[in-house]
N, C-alpha and C. Protein backbone atom coordinates (compact mmCIF):
# COMPACT_ATOMS: atom_id res chain seq x y z
N MET A 1 -34.47 -21.19 -2.73
CA MET A 1 -33.84 -20.47 -3.82
C MET A 1 -32.40 -20.93 -4.06
N ARG A 2 -31.76 -21.52 -3.05
CA ARG A 2 -30.36 -21.88 -3.20
C ARG A 2 -30.12 -22.79 -4.40
N GLY A 3 -31.04 -23.68 -4.70
CA GLY A 3 -30.87 -24.60 -5.81
C GLY A 3 -30.94 -23.92 -7.18
N THR A 4 -31.25 -22.64 -7.21
CA THR A 4 -31.37 -21.95 -8.49
C THR A 4 -30.23 -20.98 -8.76
N GLU A 5 -29.23 -20.95 -7.90
CA GLU A 5 -28.09 -20.06 -8.11
C GLU A 5 -27.31 -20.46 -9.36
N VAL A 6 -27.01 -19.50 -10.21
CA VAL A 6 -26.20 -19.75 -11.39
C VAL A 6 -25.18 -18.63 -11.52
N VAL A 7 -23.93 -19.00 -11.70
CA VAL A 7 -22.86 -18.04 -11.90
C VAL A 7 -22.12 -18.47 -13.16
N SER A 8 -21.82 -17.51 -14.02
CA SER A 8 -21.04 -17.87 -15.22
C SER A 8 -19.55 -17.67 -15.00
N ASP A 9 -19.17 -16.83 -14.04
CA ASP A 9 -17.76 -16.59 -13.76
C ASP A 9 -17.61 -16.04 -12.35
N PRO A 10 -17.13 -16.84 -11.41
CA PRO A 10 -16.98 -16.36 -10.03
C PRO A 10 -15.92 -15.28 -9.88
N THR A 11 -15.01 -15.13 -10.85
CA THR A 11 -14.01 -14.07 -10.72
C THR A 11 -14.67 -12.69 -10.77
N ASN A 12 -15.77 -12.55 -11.50
CA ASN A 12 -16.49 -11.28 -11.53
C ASN A 12 -17.01 -10.92 -10.15
N ALA A 13 -17.64 -11.90 -9.48
CA ALA A 13 -18.17 -11.66 -8.13
C ALA A 13 -17.05 -11.34 -7.15
N LEU A 14 -15.93 -12.06 -7.26
CA LEU A 14 -14.80 -11.77 -6.37
C LEU A 14 -14.20 -10.40 -6.66
N ALA A 15 -14.22 -9.96 -7.90
CA ALA A 15 -13.71 -8.63 -8.24
C ALA A 15 -14.57 -7.55 -7.60
N VAL A 16 -15.89 -7.75 -7.54
CA VAL A 16 -16.77 -6.78 -6.88
C VAL A 16 -16.43 -6.71 -5.39
N GLU A 17 -16.26 -7.86 -4.75
CA GLU A 17 -15.89 -7.88 -3.33
C GLU A 17 -14.50 -7.29 -3.12
N SER A 18 -13.58 -7.58 -4.02
CA SER A 18 -12.24 -7.03 -3.94
C SER A 18 -12.27 -5.51 -4.04
N ALA A 19 -13.07 -4.97 -4.95
CA ALA A 19 -13.18 -3.52 -5.09
C ALA A 19 -13.74 -2.89 -3.82
N ALA A 20 -14.74 -3.53 -3.23
CA ALA A 20 -15.31 -3.00 -1.97
C ALA A 20 -14.25 -2.99 -0.87
N ARG A 21 -13.48 -4.04 -0.76
CA ARG A 21 -12.42 -4.10 0.25
C ARG A 21 -11.34 -3.07 -0.03
N ARG A 22 -10.97 -2.92 -1.29
CA ARG A 22 -9.92 -1.96 -1.65
C ARG A 22 -10.36 -0.53 -1.35
N GLN A 23 -11.61 -0.21 -1.53
CA GLN A 23 -12.09 1.16 -1.22
C GLN A 23 -11.94 1.45 0.26
N ARG A 24 -12.12 0.45 1.10
CA ARG A 24 -12.01 0.65 2.55
C ARG A 24 -10.56 0.70 3.03
N GLN A 25 -9.62 0.15 2.25
CA GLN A 25 -8.24 0.00 2.69
C GLN A 25 -7.37 1.22 2.47
N GLY A 26 -7.57 1.94 1.45
CA GLY A 26 -6.64 3.00 1.11
C GLY A 26 -5.56 2.51 0.16
N HIS A 27 -4.56 3.34 -0.06
CA HIS A 27 -3.56 3.08 -1.10
C HIS A 27 -2.67 1.88 -0.85
N THR A 28 -2.37 1.56 0.38
CA THR A 28 -1.36 0.53 0.65
C THR A 28 -1.93 -0.87 0.80
N GLY A 29 -3.24 -1.02 0.84
CA GLY A 29 -3.84 -2.33 1.05
C GLY A 29 -3.85 -3.19 -0.21
N GLU A 30 -4.12 -4.46 0.01
CA GLU A 30 -4.28 -5.41 -1.08
C GLU A 30 -5.44 -6.33 -0.72
N ALA A 31 -6.08 -6.89 -1.71
CA ALA A 31 -7.13 -7.87 -1.50
C ALA A 31 -6.77 -9.13 -2.25
N HIS A 32 -6.83 -10.26 -1.56
CA HIS A 32 -6.54 -11.56 -2.17
C HIS A 32 -7.69 -12.50 -1.78
N LEU A 33 -8.46 -12.92 -2.76
CA LEU A 33 -9.64 -13.72 -2.52
C LEU A 33 -9.60 -15.00 -3.34
N ALA A 34 -10.28 -16.04 -2.83
CA ALA A 34 -10.37 -17.31 -3.54
C ALA A 34 -11.77 -17.88 -3.32
N ALA A 35 -12.24 -18.66 -4.28
CA ALA A 35 -13.55 -19.30 -4.17
C ALA A 35 -13.59 -20.52 -5.08
N VAL A 36 -14.46 -21.44 -4.72
CA VAL A 36 -14.78 -22.58 -5.57
C VAL A 36 -16.27 -22.48 -5.84
N HIS A 37 -16.65 -22.58 -7.11
CA HIS A 37 -18.06 -22.42 -7.47
C HIS A 37 -18.37 -23.25 -8.71
N ARG A 38 -19.58 -23.82 -8.73
CA ARG A 38 -20.08 -24.46 -9.94
C ARG A 38 -20.54 -23.36 -10.86
N VAL A 39 -20.21 -23.45 -12.13
CA VAL A 39 -20.59 -22.42 -13.08
C VAL A 39 -21.38 -23.04 -14.24
N LEU A 40 -22.08 -22.18 -14.93
CA LEU A 40 -22.82 -22.57 -16.12
C LEU A 40 -22.53 -21.54 -17.20
N ARG A 41 -22.06 -22.02 -18.32
CA ARG A 41 -21.75 -21.14 -19.44
C ARG A 41 -22.58 -21.54 -20.65
N ALA A 42 -23.00 -20.55 -21.41
CA ALA A 42 -23.88 -20.81 -22.56
C ALA A 42 -23.11 -21.25 -23.80
N GLN A 43 -21.83 -20.91 -23.91
CA GLN A 43 -21.10 -21.23 -25.14
C GLN A 43 -20.80 -22.71 -25.27
N ASP A 44 -20.60 -23.15 -26.50
CA ASP A 44 -20.24 -24.53 -26.80
C ASP A 44 -18.73 -24.67 -26.66
N PHE A 45 -18.29 -25.56 -25.79
CA PHE A 45 -16.87 -25.78 -25.56
C PHE A 45 -16.30 -26.91 -26.40
N GLY A 46 -17.13 -27.52 -27.25
CA GLY A 46 -16.65 -28.59 -28.11
C GLY A 46 -16.91 -29.95 -27.53
N PRO A 47 -16.55 -30.99 -28.27
CA PRO A 47 -16.82 -32.36 -27.83
C PRO A 47 -16.10 -32.71 -26.53
N GLY A 48 -16.82 -33.39 -25.67
CA GLY A 48 -16.24 -33.84 -24.41
C GLY A 48 -16.14 -32.79 -23.33
N ALA A 49 -16.56 -31.56 -23.62
CA ALA A 49 -16.49 -30.48 -22.63
C ALA A 49 -17.90 -30.11 -22.19
N SER A 50 -18.04 -29.79 -20.94
CA SER A 50 -19.34 -29.47 -20.38
C SER A 50 -19.48 -27.97 -20.17
N ALA A 51 -20.70 -27.48 -20.31
CA ALA A 51 -20.98 -26.07 -20.03
C ALA A 51 -21.25 -25.86 -18.54
N HIS A 52 -21.31 -26.95 -17.76
CA HIS A 52 -21.56 -26.88 -16.32
C HIS A 52 -20.37 -27.53 -15.63
N PHE A 53 -19.59 -26.73 -14.89
CA PHE A 53 -18.36 -27.25 -14.31
C PHE A 53 -17.99 -26.44 -13.07
N ARG A 54 -16.98 -26.91 -12.35
CA ARG A 54 -16.52 -26.26 -11.12
C ARG A 54 -15.21 -25.52 -11.39
N LEU A 55 -15.13 -24.27 -10.91
CA LEU A 55 -13.91 -23.48 -11.02
C LEU A 55 -13.38 -23.13 -9.64
N PHE A 56 -12.08 -23.27 -9.47
CA PHE A 56 -11.38 -22.73 -8.31
C PHE A 56 -10.75 -21.43 -8.80
N THR A 57 -11.09 -20.31 -8.18
CA THR A 57 -10.66 -19.01 -8.69
C THR A 57 -9.86 -18.22 -7.66
N LEU A 58 -8.95 -17.42 -8.17
CA LEU A 58 -8.18 -16.47 -7.37
C LEU A 58 -8.38 -15.09 -7.96
N VAL A 59 -8.53 -14.09 -7.10
CA VAL A 59 -8.59 -12.69 -7.54
C VAL A 59 -7.74 -11.89 -6.56
N SER A 60 -6.81 -11.11 -7.10
CA SER A 60 -5.97 -10.24 -6.29
C SER A 60 -6.03 -8.84 -6.87
N SER A 61 -6.08 -7.85 -5.96
CA SER A 61 -6.06 -6.47 -6.43
C SER A 61 -5.27 -5.60 -5.47
N ALA A 62 -4.66 -4.57 -6.05
CA ALA A 62 -3.83 -3.64 -5.29
C ALA A 62 -3.64 -2.38 -6.13
N ARG A 63 -3.16 -1.34 -5.49
CA ARG A 63 -2.90 -0.10 -6.20
C ARG A 63 -1.56 -0.17 -6.92
N ASP A 64 -1.51 0.39 -8.11
CA ASP A 64 -0.30 0.43 -8.91
C ASP A 64 0.80 1.18 -8.18
N ALA A 65 1.99 0.58 -8.11
CA ALA A 65 3.14 1.20 -7.47
C ALA A 65 4.10 1.79 -8.50
N GLY A 66 3.75 1.69 -9.78
CA GLY A 66 4.61 2.22 -10.84
C GLY A 66 5.55 1.19 -11.40
N SER A 67 5.90 1.33 -12.65
CA SER A 67 6.87 0.49 -13.35
C SER A 67 6.53 -0.99 -13.35
N GLY A 68 5.26 -1.34 -13.23
CA GLY A 68 4.85 -2.74 -13.27
C GLY A 68 5.16 -3.53 -12.02
N ARG A 69 5.56 -2.87 -10.93
CA ARG A 69 5.91 -3.60 -9.70
C ARG A 69 4.71 -4.31 -9.09
N THR A 70 3.55 -3.67 -9.09
CA THR A 70 2.36 -4.30 -8.53
C THR A 70 1.97 -5.51 -9.37
N GLU A 71 1.98 -5.35 -10.69
CA GLU A 71 1.67 -6.46 -11.57
C GLU A 71 2.61 -7.63 -11.32
N ALA A 72 3.90 -7.34 -11.15
CA ALA A 72 4.89 -8.40 -10.90
C ALA A 72 4.59 -9.12 -9.59
N ARG A 73 4.26 -8.38 -8.55
CA ARG A 73 3.97 -8.97 -7.24
C ARG A 73 2.73 -9.88 -7.31
N LEU A 74 1.66 -9.38 -7.95
CA LEU A 74 0.44 -10.18 -8.05
C LEU A 74 0.65 -11.39 -8.95
N LEU A 75 1.35 -11.20 -10.04
CA LEU A 75 1.62 -12.30 -10.97
C LEU A 75 2.47 -13.38 -10.31
N THR A 76 3.49 -12.99 -9.58
CA THR A 76 4.32 -13.96 -8.87
C THR A 76 3.48 -14.76 -7.88
N ARG A 77 2.60 -14.08 -7.17
CA ARG A 77 1.74 -14.74 -6.18
C ARG A 77 0.86 -15.79 -6.84
N HIS A 78 0.17 -15.43 -7.93
CA HIS A 78 -0.73 -16.38 -8.60
C HIS A 78 0.05 -17.52 -9.24
N LEU A 79 1.10 -17.21 -9.97
CA LEU A 79 1.87 -18.26 -10.64
C LEU A 79 2.50 -19.23 -9.65
N ALA A 80 3.00 -18.73 -8.53
CA ALA A 80 3.58 -19.61 -7.51
C ALA A 80 2.51 -20.53 -6.93
N TRP A 81 1.32 -19.99 -6.71
CA TRP A 81 0.21 -20.80 -6.19
C TRP A 81 -0.14 -21.92 -7.18
N TRP A 82 -0.36 -21.56 -8.45
CA TRP A 82 -0.75 -22.56 -9.45
C TRP A 82 0.38 -23.56 -9.69
N ARG A 83 1.61 -23.11 -9.64
CA ARG A 83 2.75 -24.03 -9.80
C ARG A 83 2.71 -25.09 -8.70
N THR A 84 2.49 -24.68 -7.47
CA THR A 84 2.42 -25.61 -6.34
C THR A 84 1.25 -26.57 -6.50
N VAL A 85 0.08 -26.05 -6.85
CA VAL A 85 -1.11 -26.89 -7.01
C VAL A 85 -0.89 -27.93 -8.10
N LEU A 86 -0.42 -27.50 -9.26
CA LEU A 86 -0.22 -28.44 -10.37
C LEU A 86 0.88 -29.46 -10.06
N ALA A 87 1.95 -29.02 -9.41
CA ALA A 87 3.05 -29.93 -9.07
C ALA A 87 2.59 -30.99 -8.07
N GLU A 88 1.72 -30.62 -7.14
CA GLU A 88 1.25 -31.56 -6.13
C GLU A 88 0.13 -32.46 -6.64
N LEU A 89 -0.78 -31.92 -7.45
CA LEU A 89 -1.96 -32.68 -7.85
C LEU A 89 -1.81 -33.42 -9.18
N ALA A 90 -0.89 -32.99 -10.03
CA ALA A 90 -0.74 -33.64 -11.34
C ALA A 90 0.71 -33.69 -11.78
N PRO A 91 1.61 -34.20 -10.94
CA PRO A 91 3.03 -34.14 -11.28
C PRO A 91 3.42 -34.93 -12.53
N SER A 92 2.78 -36.04 -12.79
CA SER A 92 3.17 -36.83 -13.96
C SER A 92 2.37 -36.47 -15.21
N ALA A 93 1.49 -35.47 -15.13
CA ALA A 93 0.69 -35.05 -16.29
C ALA A 93 1.35 -33.90 -17.05
N ALA A 94 2.64 -33.69 -16.84
CA ALA A 94 3.41 -32.65 -17.52
C ALA A 94 2.73 -31.29 -17.46
N PRO A 95 2.48 -30.76 -16.22
CA PRO A 95 1.82 -29.45 -16.11
C PRO A 95 2.72 -28.33 -16.61
N ARG A 96 2.08 -27.31 -17.15
CA ARG A 96 2.78 -26.13 -17.68
C ARG A 96 2.01 -24.88 -17.32
N LEU A 97 2.74 -23.79 -17.11
CA LEU A 97 2.17 -22.46 -16.97
C LEU A 97 2.59 -21.68 -18.22
N HIS A 98 1.64 -20.97 -18.81
CA HIS A 98 1.92 -20.20 -20.03
C HIS A 98 1.57 -18.74 -19.76
N VAL A 99 2.35 -17.84 -20.30
CA VAL A 99 2.08 -16.41 -20.14
C VAL A 99 2.19 -15.73 -21.50
N THR A 100 1.22 -14.86 -21.76
CA THR A 100 1.21 -14.04 -22.96
C THR A 100 1.33 -12.59 -22.53
N VAL A 101 2.41 -11.94 -22.89
CA VAL A 101 2.64 -10.54 -22.52
C VAL A 101 1.85 -9.64 -23.47
N LEU A 102 1.06 -8.75 -22.88
CA LEU A 102 0.25 -7.82 -23.66
C LEU A 102 0.67 -6.37 -23.45
N ASP A 103 1.63 -6.14 -22.57
CA ASP A 103 2.12 -4.80 -22.26
C ASP A 103 3.63 -4.91 -22.04
N PRO A 104 4.43 -4.07 -22.71
CA PRO A 104 5.89 -4.20 -22.59
C PRO A 104 6.42 -4.00 -21.17
N VAL A 105 5.79 -3.17 -20.38
CA VAL A 105 6.25 -2.97 -18.99
C VAL A 105 6.06 -4.25 -18.19
N VAL A 106 4.92 -4.91 -18.36
CA VAL A 106 4.69 -6.19 -17.69
C VAL A 106 5.70 -7.22 -18.20
N GLY A 107 6.02 -7.16 -19.48
CA GLY A 107 7.04 -8.05 -20.04
C GLY A 107 8.40 -7.86 -19.39
N GLU A 108 8.77 -6.60 -19.13
CA GLU A 108 10.04 -6.33 -18.45
C GLU A 108 10.03 -6.91 -17.03
N ARG A 109 8.92 -6.72 -16.29
CA ARG A 109 8.85 -7.24 -14.93
C ARG A 109 8.78 -8.76 -14.92
N LEU A 110 8.20 -9.34 -15.95
CA LEU A 110 8.19 -10.80 -16.07
C LEU A 110 9.62 -11.31 -16.16
N ALA A 111 10.44 -10.62 -16.94
CA ALA A 111 11.83 -11.03 -17.14
C ALA A 111 12.70 -10.78 -15.91
N ASP A 112 12.58 -9.60 -15.28
CA ASP A 112 13.52 -9.25 -14.21
C ASP A 112 13.02 -9.53 -12.80
N THR A 113 11.74 -9.80 -12.62
CA THR A 113 11.21 -10.01 -11.28
C THR A 113 10.48 -11.35 -11.14
N VAL A 114 9.51 -11.61 -12.02
CA VAL A 114 8.66 -12.79 -11.87
C VAL A 114 9.45 -14.07 -12.13
N ARG A 115 10.13 -14.15 -13.27
CA ARG A 115 10.88 -15.38 -13.58
C ARG A 115 11.94 -15.70 -12.52
N PRO A 116 12.75 -14.72 -12.06
CA PRO A 116 13.71 -15.05 -11.00
C PRO A 116 13.04 -15.53 -9.70
N ALA A 117 11.87 -14.98 -9.38
CA ALA A 117 11.16 -15.40 -8.17
C ALA A 117 10.63 -16.83 -8.29
N LEU A 118 10.40 -17.26 -9.52
CA LEU A 118 9.87 -18.61 -9.75
C LEU A 118 10.94 -19.57 -10.27
N ALA A 119 12.21 -19.18 -10.17
CA ALA A 119 13.31 -19.96 -10.75
C ALA A 119 13.65 -21.15 -9.87
N VAL A 120 12.76 -22.10 -9.81
CA VAL A 120 13.01 -23.37 -9.13
C VAL A 120 12.57 -24.47 -10.07
N ASP A 121 13.13 -25.65 -9.86
CA ASP A 121 12.71 -26.78 -10.70
C ASP A 121 11.24 -27.07 -10.43
N GLY A 122 10.60 -27.60 -11.43
CA GLY A 122 9.20 -27.95 -11.27
C GLY A 122 8.42 -27.59 -12.52
N VAL A 123 7.26 -27.04 -12.33
CA VAL A 123 6.37 -26.70 -13.44
C VAL A 123 6.96 -25.52 -14.21
N PRO A 124 7.24 -25.71 -15.50
CA PRO A 124 7.85 -24.62 -16.27
C PRO A 124 6.88 -23.49 -16.60
N LEU A 125 7.43 -22.29 -16.71
CA LEU A 125 6.70 -21.10 -17.14
C LEU A 125 7.13 -20.79 -18.57
N LEU A 126 6.20 -20.92 -19.50
CA LEU A 126 6.50 -20.79 -20.91
C LEU A 126 5.86 -19.54 -21.50
N ASP A 127 6.57 -18.89 -22.42
CA ASP A 127 6.00 -17.76 -23.15
C ASP A 127 5.07 -18.28 -24.23
N GLU A 128 3.97 -17.56 -24.43
CA GLU A 128 2.99 -17.93 -25.44
C GLU A 128 2.57 -16.68 -26.22
N PRO A 129 3.51 -16.08 -26.97
CA PRO A 129 3.21 -14.82 -27.67
C PRO A 129 2.15 -14.96 -28.77
N GLU A 130 1.96 -16.16 -29.28
CA GLU A 130 1.01 -16.35 -30.38
C GLU A 130 -0.45 -16.42 -29.93
N ARG A 131 -0.69 -16.50 -28.62
CA ARG A 131 -2.06 -16.60 -28.12
C ARG A 131 -2.89 -15.41 -28.57
N GLN A 132 -4.05 -15.68 -29.13
CA GLN A 132 -4.97 -14.62 -29.55
C GLN A 132 -6.18 -14.51 -28.62
N ARG A 133 -6.63 -15.64 -28.08
CA ARG A 133 -7.80 -15.64 -27.21
C ARG A 133 -7.53 -14.81 -25.95
N GLY A 134 -8.46 -13.96 -25.63
CA GLY A 134 -8.34 -13.14 -24.43
C GLY A 134 -7.73 -11.77 -24.66
N ARG A 135 -7.18 -11.52 -25.84
CA ARG A 135 -6.65 -10.18 -26.14
C ARG A 135 -7.84 -9.22 -26.21
N GLY A 136 -7.73 -8.10 -25.54
CA GLY A 136 -8.84 -7.17 -25.44
C GLY A 136 -9.66 -7.41 -24.18
N TYR A 137 -9.70 -8.65 -23.72
CA TYR A 137 -10.37 -8.99 -22.47
C TYR A 137 -9.38 -8.83 -21.32
N TYR A 138 -8.19 -9.39 -21.50
CA TYR A 138 -7.13 -9.23 -20.52
C TYR A 138 -6.22 -8.09 -20.93
N VAL A 139 -5.63 -7.44 -19.94
CA VAL A 139 -4.67 -6.36 -20.18
C VAL A 139 -3.37 -6.71 -19.45
N GLY A 140 -2.25 -6.26 -19.94
CA GLY A 140 -0.97 -6.54 -19.28
C GLY A 140 -0.41 -7.89 -19.65
N CYS A 141 -1.13 -8.95 -19.28
CA CYS A 141 -0.73 -10.30 -19.67
C CYS A 141 -1.89 -11.25 -19.45
N ALA A 142 -1.81 -12.38 -20.11
CA ALA A 142 -2.80 -13.45 -19.97
C ALA A 142 -2.07 -14.73 -19.56
N LEU A 143 -2.77 -15.61 -18.86
CA LEU A 143 -2.19 -16.85 -18.36
C LEU A 143 -2.97 -18.05 -18.86
N ARG A 144 -2.30 -19.18 -18.95
CA ARG A 144 -2.96 -20.46 -19.19
C ARG A 144 -2.28 -21.50 -18.34
N LEU A 145 -3.06 -22.44 -17.82
CA LEU A 145 -2.55 -23.59 -17.07
C LEU A 145 -2.90 -24.82 -17.89
N THR A 146 -1.92 -25.67 -18.16
CA THR A 146 -2.16 -26.84 -19.00
C THR A 146 -1.54 -28.10 -18.41
N LEU A 147 -2.01 -29.23 -18.94
CA LEU A 147 -1.43 -30.54 -18.65
C LEU A 147 -1.02 -31.17 -19.96
N HIS A 148 -0.25 -32.22 -19.88
CA HIS A 148 0.18 -33.01 -21.04
C HIS A 148 0.87 -32.13 -22.09
N ASP A 149 1.89 -31.40 -21.61
CA ASP A 149 2.72 -30.54 -22.47
C ASP A 149 1.90 -29.52 -23.25
N GLY A 150 0.84 -29.01 -22.65
CA GLY A 150 0.03 -27.98 -23.28
C GLY A 150 -1.18 -28.48 -24.03
N ALA A 151 -1.37 -29.80 -24.11
CA ALA A 151 -2.48 -30.36 -24.89
C ALA A 151 -3.84 -30.18 -24.22
N LEU A 152 -3.89 -30.10 -22.89
CA LEU A 152 -5.16 -29.98 -22.17
C LEU A 152 -5.13 -28.72 -21.31
N GLU A 153 -5.95 -27.75 -21.67
CA GLU A 153 -6.04 -26.52 -20.86
C GLU A 153 -6.92 -26.79 -19.65
N VAL A 154 -6.40 -26.45 -18.46
CA VAL A 154 -7.16 -26.63 -17.23
C VAL A 154 -7.42 -25.31 -16.52
N GLY A 155 -6.80 -24.23 -16.96
CA GLY A 155 -7.00 -22.95 -16.30
C GLY A 155 -6.64 -21.78 -17.18
N ASP A 156 -7.06 -20.59 -16.75
CA ASP A 156 -6.89 -19.38 -17.55
C ASP A 156 -6.85 -18.19 -16.59
N GLY A 157 -6.43 -17.04 -17.10
CA GLY A 157 -6.46 -15.84 -16.28
C GLY A 157 -5.71 -14.70 -16.93
N GLY A 158 -5.61 -13.62 -16.18
CA GLY A 158 -4.91 -12.44 -16.65
C GLY A 158 -5.33 -11.20 -15.87
N PHE A 159 -4.71 -10.09 -16.21
CA PHE A 159 -5.08 -8.82 -15.59
C PHE A 159 -6.32 -8.27 -16.27
N THR A 160 -7.20 -7.68 -15.47
CA THR A 160 -8.41 -7.05 -15.99
C THR A 160 -8.49 -5.62 -15.44
N GLY A 161 -9.37 -4.83 -16.01
CA GLY A 161 -9.61 -3.48 -15.51
C GLY A 161 -10.83 -3.41 -14.60
N TRP A 162 -11.29 -4.54 -14.10
CA TRP A 162 -12.54 -4.58 -13.35
C TRP A 162 -12.53 -3.72 -12.10
N THR A 163 -11.56 -3.91 -11.21
CA THR A 163 -11.57 -3.12 -9.97
C THR A 163 -11.30 -1.65 -10.25
N ALA A 164 -10.50 -1.35 -11.25
CA ALA A 164 -10.25 0.05 -11.62
C ALA A 164 -11.55 0.73 -12.02
N ARG A 165 -12.38 0.04 -12.80
CA ARG A 165 -13.67 0.62 -13.21
C ARG A 165 -14.64 0.69 -12.05
N LEU A 166 -14.67 -0.34 -11.22
CA LEU A 166 -15.61 -0.37 -10.10
C LEU A 166 -15.29 0.73 -9.07
N ILE A 167 -14.02 0.95 -8.83
CA ILE A 167 -13.60 1.97 -7.86
C ILE A 167 -13.54 3.35 -8.49
N GLY A 168 -13.36 3.40 -9.81
CA GLY A 168 -13.19 4.68 -10.49
C GLY A 168 -11.79 5.23 -10.33
N ASN A 169 -10.79 4.30 -10.31
CA ASN A 169 -9.41 4.71 -10.12
C ASN A 169 -8.53 3.88 -11.06
N ALA A 170 -7.98 4.51 -12.07
CA ALA A 170 -7.17 3.81 -13.07
C ALA A 170 -5.89 3.21 -12.50
N LYS A 171 -5.53 3.56 -11.27
CA LYS A 171 -4.32 3.01 -10.64
C LYS A 171 -4.55 1.63 -10.02
N GLU A 172 -5.78 1.16 -9.98
CA GLU A 172 -6.06 -0.15 -9.41
C GLU A 172 -5.68 -1.26 -10.38
N ARG A 173 -5.09 -2.32 -9.88
CA ARG A 173 -4.72 -3.47 -10.68
C ARG A 173 -5.47 -4.69 -10.16
N CYS A 174 -5.91 -5.55 -11.07
CA CYS A 174 -6.69 -6.74 -10.69
C CYS A 174 -6.21 -7.92 -11.53
N LEU A 175 -5.79 -8.98 -10.87
CA LEU A 175 -5.38 -10.21 -11.53
C LEU A 175 -6.36 -11.31 -11.15
N VAL A 176 -6.90 -11.98 -12.16
CA VAL A 176 -7.81 -13.10 -11.94
C VAL A 176 -7.19 -14.35 -12.56
N SER A 177 -7.45 -15.50 -11.94
CA SER A 177 -7.02 -16.76 -12.53
C SER A 177 -7.91 -17.87 -11.98
N CYS A 178 -8.03 -18.93 -12.75
CA CYS A 178 -8.92 -20.02 -12.33
C CYS A 178 -8.42 -21.36 -12.86
N LEU A 179 -8.94 -22.42 -12.25
CA LEU A 179 -8.62 -23.77 -12.64
C LEU A 179 -9.93 -24.56 -12.65
N ALA A 180 -10.21 -25.27 -13.74
CA ALA A 180 -11.39 -26.14 -13.84
C ALA A 180 -11.05 -27.46 -13.16
N THR A 181 -11.67 -27.72 -12.02
CA THR A 181 -11.28 -28.87 -11.20
C THR A 181 -11.55 -30.21 -11.89
N GLU A 182 -12.67 -30.33 -12.62
CA GLU A 182 -12.96 -31.60 -13.30
C GLU A 182 -11.95 -31.85 -14.43
N ARG A 183 -11.52 -30.79 -15.10
CA ARG A 183 -10.51 -30.96 -16.16
C ARG A 183 -9.19 -31.42 -15.54
N LEU A 184 -8.85 -30.85 -14.40
CA LEU A 184 -7.61 -31.27 -13.72
C LEU A 184 -7.68 -32.75 -13.39
N LEU A 185 -8.81 -33.18 -12.83
CA LEU A 185 -8.95 -34.60 -12.47
C LEU A 185 -8.93 -35.49 -13.70
N ALA A 186 -9.61 -35.08 -14.76
CA ALA A 186 -9.63 -35.87 -15.99
C ALA A 186 -8.25 -35.94 -16.61
N GLY A 187 -7.47 -34.89 -16.48
CA GLY A 187 -6.13 -34.84 -17.08
C GLY A 187 -5.10 -35.67 -16.35
N ARG A 188 -5.41 -36.07 -15.13
CA ARG A 188 -4.44 -36.85 -14.38
C ARG A 188 -4.89 -38.31 -14.19
N VAL A 189 -5.73 -38.79 -15.09
CA VAL A 189 -6.24 -40.16 -14.99
C VAL A 189 -5.15 -41.22 -15.04
N ASP A 190 -4.03 -40.88 -15.64
CA ASP A 190 -2.96 -41.87 -15.75
C ASP A 190 -2.10 -41.95 -14.49
N GLU A 191 -2.37 -41.12 -13.52
CA GLU A 191 -1.54 -41.14 -12.30
C GLU A 191 -2.03 -42.19 -11.32
């Protein structure tokens, strides 16, 4: 049966495991999970893109501490990880991190907490207020990882309400993000 496994999004599966761990932990715990999985998607991604590809995914969840502090902590963790990965694996491919603020409180924490924590030279963190894709799917903020000054998207993510719904607690926060490994490799062919 192993040869017949199909997953369309490993972040969903990690969110289920994250919710189970969070229920056992209590209010002060956090869950941070990662996985690499081949996925199959039914939608058409356009010319040169495959519906069958590998994703490296991160899922983090924790209880809301108020005033967007939990969101800031989780966002800093994911963005710092992706910044390091992109800087090490594709330094000459002009990697970029993009963020679209969907909630003003998260926007405040992005300005006063996340950006200062990431204030080092390297992969820039750019605002992308015009992004429409993912609105309604993501809450708080959405992320994109790109190469070649934004021309090639290699990753995506944002906050979801998945663990909050699974646990039945609106105070739960869940951040998911992923990187398409084949796109990353294709984007750094000039290195």
